[in-house]
Amino acid sequence: MRTWGKWFVVLLVMLIGSAQTNARRRKNPRNRRVNATKNSTAFDVLIFTQHWPQTVCYTWKQESPDHSCDLPHDDEWTIHGLWPTKFHKLGPQFCNPSLHFNVAALSPIQKEMEVKWIDVENGTKPFSFWKHEWQKHGTCSAVLEPLNTELKYFEMGLKLLDVYDMKHVLEKADIHPGLSYPVQAFLDGVYKVLGKKCQVECVSNKKEKKSYLFEIRICFDKSLNLIDCDGVAGFPTNCSPKRQILYPGTVPIEYHVLQI
């Protein structure tokens, strides 16, 4: 009986200690943040990202001379993605593996996507770019009713491009391919036309000491209203303020490219 009593006391102490530890974890805000980031699909903004195909091709060809590119006609900007994002962080990403990619679901808009949401890095598996964007970003945006299916998600990207096409936005700001500008010209130009702050991304050739315009990102709230991007990680730019930024009119001639 005395032995049983001793074991009862030990067990009681262990249970009390475990409860206290769990209580401390619940009270620790760091633990709450880590869990929310890991397991939650919560986000603050949607980033609509357009990239400049000439620069995408340039960087792709620099990785390997064997790489080939598909470029659109008429110097068009194309869609990179629509990304649910938390302020000052990356992600969430890959939120729901049960939402599988099915290219057949895109049949009503596939022809349009093949022009406006193209895989510049030609030679990858068919539809792999769209599949990647859906799995990484689309499955996280699916918590919103206007984006809760694969078709709705990609269709929304096409609609946003029709309204906010960077080709036309930059033309209205008197910014044109083939010329170089300070990065502030791109930031100010987009703000002048759209009335909201964007994010500008560059890639650099350190050997040649040149910077190239790569992407322009604009932001939307969960009701798909255009808003400033000033809460986004890396805002307003990764481009050097000390260099002129080339908005290339063509891919360098030594790189063979295809136009679709």
Protein backbone atom coordinates (compact mmCIF):
# COMPACT_ATOMS: atom_id res chain seq x y z
CA MET A 1 0.00 0.00 0.00
CA ARG A 2 2.86 2.37 0.87
CA THR A 3 4.53 1.59 -2.51
CA TRP A 4 1.31 2.38 -4.36
CA GLY A 5 1.08 5.68 -2.46
CA LYS A 6 4.59 6.71 -3.50
CA TRP A 7 3.85 6.01 -7.16
CA PHE A 8 0.63 7.99 -6.93
CA VAL A 9 2.54 11.04 -5.61
CA VAL A 10 5.16 10.77 -8.41
CA LEU A 11 2.45 10.52 -11.06
CA LEU A 12 0.61 13.51 -9.61
CA VAL A 13 3.78 15.64 -9.67
CA MET A 14 4.43 14.70 -13.31
CA LEU A 15 0.91 15.62 -14.35
CA ILE A 16 1.09 18.99 -12.59
CA GLY A 17 4.47 19.74 -14.20
CA SER A 18 3.19 18.85 -17.67
CA ALA A 19 0.12 21.07 -17.22
CA GLN A 20 2.29 23.99 -16.13
CA THR A 21 4.59 23.55 -19.14
CA ASN A 22 1.64 23.49 -21.57
CA ALA A 23 0.20 26.59 -19.93
CA ARG A 24 3.50 28.43 -20.38
CA ARG A 25 3.57 27.43 -24.05
CA ARG A 26 0.06 28.73 -24.61
CA LYS A 27 0.97 32.03 -22.98
CA ASN A 28 4.17 32.42 -25.00
CA PRO A 29 3.36 34.67 -28.00
CA ARG A 30 6.38 33.36 -29.89
CA ASN A 31 4.88 29.87 -29.86
CA ARG A 32 1.57 31.23 -31.12
CA ARG A 33 3.29 33.01 -34.02
CA VAL A 34 5.32 29.95 -35.00
CA ASN A 35 2.26 27.71 -35.01
CA ALA A 36 0.18 30.22 -36.94
CA THR A 37 2.88 30.61 -39.58
CA LYS A 38 3.33 26.88 -39.96
CA ASN A 39 -0.26 25.69 -39.92
CA SER A 40 -2.48 28.62 -40.87
CA THR A 41 -3.63 29.84 -44.28
CA ALA A 42 -4.05 33.35 -42.84
CA PHE A 43 -2.68 36.18 -44.96
CA ASP A 44 -2.95 39.96 -45.26
CA VAL A 45 -2.65 40.85 -48.93
CA LEU A 46 -2.68 39.39 -52.42
CA ILE A 47 0.36 40.29 -54.51
CA PHE A 48 -0.29 40.33 -58.26
CA THR A 49 3.07 39.85 -59.95
CA GLN A 50 3.82 40.60 -63.59
CA HIS A 51 7.23 39.89 -65.06
CA TRP A 52 9.01 41.25 -68.09
CA PRO A 53 9.64 38.25 -70.40
CA GLN A 54 12.81 39.67 -71.96
CA THR A 55 14.50 39.80 -68.56
CA VAL A 56 13.11 36.41 -67.52
CA CYS A 57 14.58 34.92 -70.68
CA TYR A 58 17.89 36.73 -70.17
CA THR A 59 18.34 35.26 -66.69
CA TRP A 60 17.19 31.81 -67.85
CA LYS A 61 19.67 31.77 -70.72
CA GLN A 62 22.47 32.94 -68.46
CA GLU A 63 21.96 29.84 -66.32
CA SER A 64 22.65 27.64 -69.34
CA PRO A 65 23.15 28.35 -73.06
CA ASP A 66 21.06 25.24 -73.74
CA HIS A 67 17.96 26.84 -72.24
CA SER A 68 15.36 28.18 -74.66
CA CYS A 69 12.61 30.73 -74.14
CA ASP A 70 9.07 31.42 -75.32
CA LEU A 71 8.33 35.11 -75.68
CA PRO A 72 5.00 36.77 -76.43
CA HIS A 73 4.51 39.06 -79.41
CA ASP A 74 4.22 42.84 -79.10
CA ASP A 75 6.41 43.30 -76.02
CA GLU A 76 3.72 42.19 -73.59
CA TRP A 77 4.13 41.78 -69.86
CA THR A 78 2.98 38.38 -68.63
CA ILE A 79 1.68 37.02 -65.35
CA HIS A 80 3.96 35.39 -62.82
CA GLY A 81 1.33 34.82 -60.14
CA LEU A 82 -1.24 35.94 -57.61
CA TRP A 83 0.26 35.38 -54.18
CA PRO A 84 -1.48 35.44 -50.77
CA THR A 85 1.07 37.01 -48.43
CA LYS A 86 1.48 37.99 -44.79
CA PHE A 87 2.88 41.43 -44.03
CA HIS A 88 6.69 41.46 -43.69
CA LYS A 89 6.90 37.71 -44.44
CA LEU A 90 6.84 35.20 -47.27
CA GLY A 91 3.90 32.85 -47.52
CA PRO A 92 1.72 31.08 -46.66
CA GLN A 93 2.58 28.50 -49.30
CA PHE A 94 1.43 25.01 -50.31
CA CYS A 95 -1.61 25.25 -48.03
CA ASN A 96 -3.86 22.41 -49.13
CA PRO A 97 -2.38 19.34 -50.87
CA SER A 98 -5.88 17.93 -51.34
CA LEU A 99 -6.59 20.62 -53.96
CA HIS A 100 -4.94 18.90 -56.90
CA PHE A 101 -4.07 20.66 -60.14
CA ASN A 102 -6.23 19.59 -63.07
CA VAL A 103 -5.42 21.23 -66.39
CA ALA A 104 -8.81 20.18 -67.78
CA ALA A 105 -10.44 22.62 -65.35
CA LEU A 106 -8.76 25.46 -67.27
CA SER A 107 -10.16 24.54 -70.68
CA PRO A 108 -12.46 27.62 -70.83
CA ILE A 109 -9.46 29.96 -70.47
CA GLN A 110 -6.51 27.85 -71.62
CA LYS A 111 -6.00 29.66 -74.94
CA GLU A 112 -5.87 33.01 -73.16
CA MET A 113 -3.50 31.64 -70.53
CA GLU A 114 -1.15 30.37 -73.21
CA VAL A 115 -0.68 34.01 -74.25
CA LYS A 116 -0.89 35.91 -70.96
CA TRP A 117 0.37 33.41 -68.35
CA ILE A 118 3.09 31.75 -70.40
CA ASP A 119 6.05 29.74 -69.23
CA VAL A 120 8.90 31.85 -70.60
CA GLU A 121 11.34 29.14 -69.56
CA ASN A 122 10.48 26.93 -72.51
CA GLY A 123 11.30 23.25 -72.28
CA THR A 124 9.81 22.50 -68.88
CA LYS A 125 7.01 19.95 -68.58
CA PRO A 126 3.68 21.04 -70.09
CA PHE A 127 1.60 23.10 -67.68
CA SER A 128 4.21 22.70 -64.91
CA PHE A 129 4.35 26.47 -64.36
CA TRP A 130 0.59 26.71 -63.83
CA LYS A 131 0.65 23.63 -61.60
CA HIS A 132 3.41 25.18 -59.48
CA GLU A 133 1.54 28.47 -59.06
CA TRP A 134 -1.68 26.70 -58.09
CA GLN A 135 -0.07 24.36 -55.57
CA LYS A 136 2.16 27.00 -53.98
CA HIS A 137 -0.17 30.02 -53.99
CA GLY A 138 -3.60 29.13 -55.35
CA THR A 139 -4.32 26.57 -52.65
CA CYS A 140 -3.75 29.31 -50.05
CA SER A 141 -6.00 31.85 -51.74
CA ALA A 142 -8.81 29.30 -51.97
CA VAL A 143 -10.10 30.42 -48.56
CA LEU A 144 -11.58 33.41 -50.44
CA GLU A 145 -14.80 32.73 -52.33
CA PRO A 146 -13.75 34.56 -55.54
CA LEU A 147 -10.63 32.36 -55.69
CA ASN A 148 -11.85 29.07 -54.25
CA THR A 149 -11.41 26.96 -57.38
CA GLU A 150 -8.56 26.47 -59.79
CA LEU A 151 -10.55 28.08 -62.61
CA LYS A 152 -11.52 31.10 -60.49
CA TYR A 153 -7.93 31.62 -59.35
CA PHE A 154 -6.39 31.71 -62.82
CA GLU A 155 -9.35 33.57 -64.29
CA MET A 156 -8.85 36.31 -61.69
CA GLY A 157 -5.21 36.64 -62.71
CA LEU A 158 -6.27 37.19 -66.32
CA LYS A 159 -8.84 39.79 -65.28
CA LEU A 160 -6.27 41.68 -63.20
CA LEU A 161 -3.86 41.72 -66.14
CA ASP A 162 -6.56 43.19 -68.38
CA VAL A 163 -7.04 46.08 -65.95
CA TYR A 164 -3.49 46.59 -64.63
CA ASP A 165 -1.30 45.54 -67.57
CA MET A 166 2.14 47.00 -66.85
CA LYS A 167 2.80 47.62 -70.53
CA HIS A 168 0.05 50.22 -70.58
CA VAL A 169 0.75 51.51 -67.06
CA LEU A 170 4.39 52.23 -67.90
CA GLU A 171 3.49 53.74 -71.29
CA LYS A 172 1.17 56.18 -69.52
CA ALA A 173 4.09 57.07 -67.24
CA ASP A 174 6.27 57.69 -70.35
CA ILE A 175 8.49 54.69 -69.58
CA HIS A 176 9.42 52.58 -72.59
CA PRO A 177 11.37 49.37 -73.40
CA GLY A 178 14.92 49.81 -74.60
CA LEU A 179 15.73 52.65 -72.22
CA SER A 180 17.24 52.95 -68.75
CA TYR A 181 15.74 54.77 -65.78
CA PRO A 182 16.43 55.22 -62.08
CA VAL A 183 14.35 52.81 -60.03
CA GLN A 184 12.43 55.72 -58.54
CA ALA A 185 11.07 56.46 -62.01
CA PHE A 186 9.31 53.08 -62.04
CA LEU A 187 8.02 53.49 -58.50
CA ASP A 188 6.77 57.01 -59.14
CA GLY A 189 5.40 56.13 -62.57
CA VAL A 190 3.20 53.30 -61.30
CA TYR A 191 2.01 55.46 -58.40
CA LYS A 192 1.15 58.31 -60.78
CA VAL A 193 -1.01 56.05 -62.96
CA LEU A 194 -2.58 53.71 -60.36
CA GLY A 195 -2.50 55.90 -57.25
CA LYS A 196 -0.99 53.10 -55.15
CA LYS A 197 2.55 52.10 -54.19
CA CYS A 198 4.02 49.10 -56.00
CA GLN A 199 7.07 46.89 -55.54
CA VAL A 200 9.79 46.72 -58.20
CA GLU A 201 12.20 43.80 -58.60
CA CYS A 202 15.47 43.79 -60.55
CA VAL A 203 18.13 41.27 -61.48
CA SER A 204 21.75 42.30 -61.79
CA ASN A 205 24.74 41.27 -63.84
CA LYS A 206 27.56 41.92 -61.42
CA LYS A 207 30.24 41.34 -64.05
CA GLU A 208 28.79 43.95 -66.40
CA LYS A 209 27.54 46.09 -63.49
CA LYS A 210 24.08 46.32 -65.05
CA SER A 211 20.61 46.01 -63.54
CA TYR A 212 17.54 44.87 -65.44
CA LEU A 213 13.84 45.41 -64.72
CA PHE A 214 12.44 41.99 -63.81
CA GLU A 215 9.04 42.24 -62.08
CA ILE A 216 6.49 44.77 -60.91
CA ARG A 217 4.12 43.78 -58.11
CA ILE A 218 0.88 45.46 -57.08
CA CYS A 219 -1.22 44.58 -54.06
CA PHE A 220 -4.86 43.90 -53.26
CA ASP A 221 -6.82 43.39 -50.07
CA LYS A 222 -8.99 40.32 -49.54
CA SER A 223 -11.88 42.06 -51.27
CA LEU A 224 -9.61 42.52 -54.29
CA ASN A 225 -9.35 46.28 -53.89
CA LEU A 226 -6.07 47.79 -55.05
CA ILE A 227 -3.96 48.92 -52.06
CA ASP A 228 -0.40 50.05 -51.29
CA CYS A 229 2.27 47.35 -51.08
CA ASP A 230 4.08 49.04 -48.20
CA GLY A 231 3.56 46.12 -45.80
CA VAL A 232 5.17 43.59 -48.13
CA ALA A 233 8.60 42.09 -47.40
CA GLY A 234 11.26 43.77 -49.51
CA PHE A 235 9.17 46.86 -50.19
CA PRO A 236 9.69 48.99 -52.20
CA THR A 237 12.50 47.39 -54.24
CA ASN A 238 15.61 45.27 -54.37
CA CYS A 239 17.03 47.46 -57.17
CA SER A 240 20.11 49.57 -56.56
CA PRO A 241 19.30 53.27 -56.21
CA LYS A 242 22.80 54.03 -57.52
CA ARG A 243 22.32 52.39 -60.94
CA GLN A 244 20.17 53.07 -63.95
CA ILE A 245 17.74 50.19 -64.46
CA LEU A 246 17.53 48.86 -68.01
CA TYR A 247 14.03 48.08 -69.25
CA PRO A 248 15.33 45.85 -72.08
CA GLY A 249 13.61 46.01 -75.43
CA THR A 250 15.04 42.66 -76.54
CA VAL A 251 16.93 39.69 -75.20
CA PRO A 252 20.65 40.03 -76.09
CA ILE A 253 21.15 38.90 -79.68
CA GLU A 254 23.52 36.06 -78.77
CA TYR A 255 20.56 34.25 -77.18
CA HIS A 256 18.26 32.44 -79.61
CA VAL A 257 14.61 32.84 -78.55
CA LEU A 258 11.21 31.81 -79.84
CA GLN A 259 8.11 33.97 -80.10
CA ILE A 260 4.73 32.36 -79.62
